[in-house]
């Protein structure tokens, strides 16, 4: 009898956990959809331990393609305090790992069939001016000034790109299709197509043919 009761309690726990997970999944998806400008079909949200942060200001846009998979928590912001028509584009069938962040003040484009591992960062601006300023010119102090437009530049990630865990993609970078950014890399300049880069700053270490094999 006790074994039967334990089984019932276990089944009840499983049922409640399934229902609560479904509600959390639905709620997380609604939070994302509320801030997204356009969403393709079959958006899949895998619920993590914390809430995602999705924010779109003014006329900014966050567009998500078909069959995209997002592992939460994730941060996506499209601000308008520097450029009023900021756009974040995520292409079809792209997967983005948990704790990743996309911060755009002008534009971040991620192509189709891309894989972004966890803790990947794509920032098209620094958040504060590079120039430190001085107390003789209060407006140039970093904590009192916004990033100037000349310090903002689009990020473009081509189709079928793989970005490894803990990598950072800096402003103005274009990553060519078919390329790989190895884990823990900081990319500060363009990556050609079908190229593997690694390091901080990232540099080319391998070149791939059209079938993904290392070229000799």
Protein backbone atom coordinates (compact mmCIF):
# COMPACT_ATOMS: atom_id res chain seq x y z
CA UNK A 1 0.00 0.00 0.00
CA UNK A 2 2.77 2.40 0.92
CA UNK A 3 4.56 1.68 -2.33
CA UNK A 4 1.38 2.44 -4.23
CA UNK A 5 0.95 5.77 -2.38
CA UNK A 6 4.56 6.69 -3.08
CA UNK A 7 3.95 5.95 -6.75
CA UNK A 8 0.86 8.16 -6.75
CA UNK A 9 2.74 11.02 -5.08
CA UNK A 10 5.58 10.64 -7.58
CA UNK A 11 3.16 10.70 -10.52
CA UNK A 12 1.43 13.76 -9.06
CA UNK A 13 4.78 15.52 -8.73
CA UNK A 14 5.65 14.66 -12.33
CA UNK A 15 2.28 15.95 -13.53
CA UNK A 16 2.58 19.23 -11.61
CA UNK A 17 6.12 19.72 -12.85
CA UNK A 18 5.00 19.16 -16.46
CA UNK A 19 2.10 21.61 -16.10
CA UNK A 20 4.24 24.29 -14.42
CA UNK A 21 6.97 23.91 -17.04
CA UNK A 22 4.37 24.34 -19.77
CA UNK A 23 3.01 27.50 -18.14
CA UNK A 24 6.52 28.93 -17.69
CA UNK A 25 7.34 28.11 -21.32
CA UNK A 26 4.18 29.84 -22.53
CA UNK A 27 4.79 32.89 -20.29
CA UNK A 28 8.44 33.24 -21.38
CA UNK A 29 7.40 33.06 -25.01
CA UNK A 30 4.76 35.77 -24.49
CA UNK A 31 7.36 38.07 -22.94
CA UNK A 32 9.56 37.63 -25.99
CA UNK A 33 6.73 37.99 -28.50
CA UNK A 34 5.59 41.19 -26.80
CA UNK A 35 8.86 42.93 -27.70
CA UNK A 36 9.53 41.26 -31.06
CA UNK A 37 8.49 43.12 -34.22
CA UNK A 38 8.18 40.05 -36.44
CA UNK A 39 8.32 36.36 -35.59
CA UNK A 40 8.41 33.48 -38.03
CA UNK A 41 6.73 30.13 -37.48
CA UNK A 42 7.76 27.54 -34.91
CA UNK A 43 9.73 29.73 -32.51
CA UNK A 44 11.02 27.33 -29.85
CA UNK A 45 11.89 28.67 -26.38
CA UNK A 46 13.75 26.34 -24.03
CA UNK A 47 13.12 27.58 -20.50
CA UNK A 48 16.11 28.20 -18.26
CA UNK A 49 16.44 29.05 -14.56
CA UNK A 50 16.07 32.81 -15.04
CA UNK A 51 13.93 35.20 -17.09
CA UNK A 52 15.07 36.60 -20.42
CA UNK A 53 15.42 40.32 -21.02
CA UNK A 54 14.05 41.48 -24.38
CA UNK A 55 13.66 45.20 -25.01
CA UNK A 56 12.80 47.15 -28.15
CA UNK A 57 12.62 50.95 -27.98
CA UNK A 58 10.64 53.34 -30.21
CA UNK A 59 10.93 52.49 -33.90
CA UNK A 60 13.57 49.81 -33.37
CA UNK A 61 12.87 46.32 -34.68
CA UNK A 62 13.64 42.78 -33.51
CA UNK A 63 12.87 40.30 -36.28
CA UNK A 64 13.07 36.54 -35.75
CA UNK A 65 12.85 34.07 -38.63
CA UNK A 66 11.26 30.63 -38.96
CA UNK A 67 12.21 27.63 -36.81
CA UNK A 68 14.50 29.63 -34.52
CA UNK A 69 15.43 28.00 -31.21
CA UNK A 70 16.35 30.13 -28.18
CA UNK A 71 17.63 28.74 -24.91
CA UNK A 72 16.72 31.16 -22.15
CA UNK A 73 17.75 33.23 -20.36
CA UNK A 74 18.81 35.50 -23.20
CA UNK A 75 19.23 39.25 -23.59
CA UNK A 76 18.25 41.10 -26.77
CA UNK A 77 18.07 44.90 -26.80
CA UNK A 78 17.42 47.22 -29.74
CA UNK A 79 17.83 50.78 -28.50
CA UNK A 80 17.16 54.08 -30.28
CA UNK A 81 19.17 56.55 -28.22
CA UNK A 82 21.85 56.82 -30.96
CA UNK A 83 20.16 55.62 -34.17
CA UNK A 84 16.33 55.72 -34.31
CA UNK A 85 15.95 52.82 -36.76
CA UNK A 86 17.97 50.15 -34.98
CA UNK A 87 17.30 46.57 -36.22
CA UNK A 88 18.13 43.12 -34.86
CA UNK A 89 17.65 40.29 -37.38
CA UNK A 90 17.85 36.59 -36.53
CA UNK A 91 17.68 34.26 -39.52
CA UNK A 92 15.75 31.04 -40.08
CA UNK A 93 16.74 27.90 -38.18
CA UNK A 94 19.33 29.69 -36.05
CA UNK A 95 19.91 28.40 -32.51
CA UNK A 96 21.06 30.70 -29.69
CA UNK A 97 22.41 29.30 -26.42
CA UNK A 98 21.57 30.42 -22.89
CA UNK A 99 23.05 33.53 -21.26
CA UNK A 100 23.90 35.02 -24.66
CA UNK A 101 23.39 38.73 -25.31
CA UNK A 102 22.70 40.85 -28.40
CA UNK A 103 22.89 44.60 -27.80
CA UNK A 104 22.26 46.84 -30.77
CA UNK A 105 22.22 50.60 -31.18
CA UNK A 106 22.37 50.48 -35.00
CA UNK A 107 22.06 46.92 -36.25
CA UNK A 108 22.96 43.28 -35.61
CA UNK A 109 22.19 40.70 -38.31
CA UNK A 110 22.56 36.97 -37.74
CA UNK A 111 22.09 34.77 -40.79
CA UNK A 112 20.31 31.47 -41.34
CA UNK A 113 21.34 28.12 -39.86
CA UNK A 114 23.73 29.66 -37.34
CA UNK A 115 24.74 28.14 -34.01
CA UNK A 116 25.52 30.46 -31.13
CA UNK A 117 26.71 28.66 -28.01
CA UNK A 118 26.09 29.86 -24.46
CA UNK A 119 27.47 33.17 -23.15
CA UNK A 120 28.05 34.59 -26.64
CA UNK A 121 28.03 38.41 -26.81
CA UNK A 122 27.37 40.59 -29.87
CA UNK A 123 27.59 44.35 -29.13
CA UNK A 124 27.54 46.92 -31.94
CA UNK A 125 28.52 49.72 -29.55
CA UNK A 126 30.58 50.09 -26.40
CA UNK A 127 27.88 51.47 -24.11
CA UNK A 128 30.08 54.42 -23.14
CA UNK A 129 32.43 56.73 -25.08
CA UNK A 130 35.99 55.49 -25.57
CA UNK A 131 37.36 58.93 -24.74
CA UNK A 132 37.59 59.30 -20.95
CA UNK A 133 37.16 63.08 -20.80
CA UNK A 134 38.06 65.19 -17.81
CA UNK A 135 36.43 67.34 -15.16
CA UNK A 136 37.34 70.38 -17.24
CA UNK A 137 34.83 69.13 -19.81
CA UNK A 138 32.07 67.39 -17.86
CA UNK A 139 30.14 66.30 -20.97
CA UNK A 140 32.91 63.96 -22.10
CA UNK A 141 33.03 61.91 -18.91
CA UNK A 142 32.07 58.31 -19.72
CA UNK A 143 29.36 58.10 -17.10
CA UNK A 144 27.71 61.33 -18.29
CA UNK A 145 27.77 60.85 -22.07
CA UNK A 146 26.23 58.49 -24.58
CA UNK A 147 28.29 56.62 -27.13
CA UNK A 148 28.94 58.91 -30.13
CA UNK A 149 27.58 57.69 -33.50
CA UNK A 150 31.08 57.20 -34.92
CA UNK A 151 31.68 54.52 -32.28
CA UNK A 152 28.68 52.44 -33.41
CA UNK A 153 28.90 49.99 -36.33
CA UNK A 154 26.75 47.12 -37.62
CA UNK A 155 27.56 43.51 -36.89
CA UNK A 156 26.81 41.02 -39.65
CA UNK A 157 26.98 37.25 -39.19
CA UNK A 158 26.63 35.23 -42.39
CA UNK A 159 24.71 31.99 -42.91
CA UNK A 160 25.84 28.70 -41.35
CA UNK A 161 28.23 30.30 -38.84
CA UNK A 162 29.18 28.65 -35.56
CA UNK A 163 30.18 30.90 -32.65
CA UNK A 164 31.69 29.07 -29.68
CA UNK A 165 31.02 29.55 -25.98
CA UNK A 166 32.11 32.78 -24.25
CA UNK A 167 33.01 34.49 -27.54
CA UNK A 168 32.59 38.24 -28.03
CA UNK A 169 31.84 39.85 -31.40
CA UNK A 170 32.77 43.52 -31.44
CA UNK A 171 31.19 46.42 -33.33
CA UNK A 172 31.71 46.67 -37.08
CA UNK A 173 32.60 43.00 -37.56
CA UNK A 174 31.35 40.90 -40.47
CA UNK A 175 31.68 37.12 -40.22
CA UNK A 176 31.53 35.35 -43.55
CA UNK A 177 29.25 32.39 -44.15
CA UNK A 178 30.45 28.95 -43.16
CA UNK A 179 32.98 30.27 -40.66
CA UNK A 180 33.69 29.16 -37.09
CA UNK A 181 34.56 31.35 -34.11
CA UNK A 182 36.25 29.13 -31.54
CA UNK A 183 35.29 29.33 -27.88
CA UNK A 184 36.64 32.19 -25.76
CA UNK A 185 37.52 34.33 -28.78
CA UNK A 186 37.24 38.11 -29.11
CA UNK A 187 36.56 39.06 -32.72
CA UNK A 188 37.59 42.64 -33.55
CA UNK A 189 37.92 42.44 -37.35
CA UNK A 190 36.14 40.79 -40.27
CA UNK A 191 36.30 37.01 -40.72
CA UNK A 192 36.36 35.70 -44.31
CA UNK A 193 34.04 32.93 -45.45
CA UNK A 194 34.82 29.34 -44.41
CA UNK A 195 37.48 30.37 -41.92
CA UNK A 196 38.12 29.17 -38.37
CA UNK A 197 39.35 31.87 -36.00
CA UNK A 198 40.58 31.65 -32.43
CA UNK A 199 42.08 33.87 -29.76
CA UNK A 200 41.90 37.32 -28.22
CA UNK A 201 42.05 39.07 -30.57
CA UNK A 202 40.83 36.31 -32.89
CA UNK A 203 43.01 35.29 -35.82
CA UNK A 204 42.63 32.72 -38.58
CA UNK A 205 43.93 29.27 -37.68
CA UNK A 206 42.22 27.09 -40.31
CA UNK A 207 40.56 27.42 -43.69
CA UNK A 208 37.67 25.20 -44.79
CA UNK A 209 36.54 24.03 -48.21
CA UNK A 210 32.89 24.20 -49.32
CA UNK A 211 32.27 20.81 -47.66
CA UNK A 212 33.60 21.96 -44.30
CA UNK A 213 36.88 20.04 -44.54
CA UNK A 214 40.21 21.67 -43.73
CA UNK A 215 42.01 22.86 -46.82
CA UNK A 216 45.51 21.50 -47.37
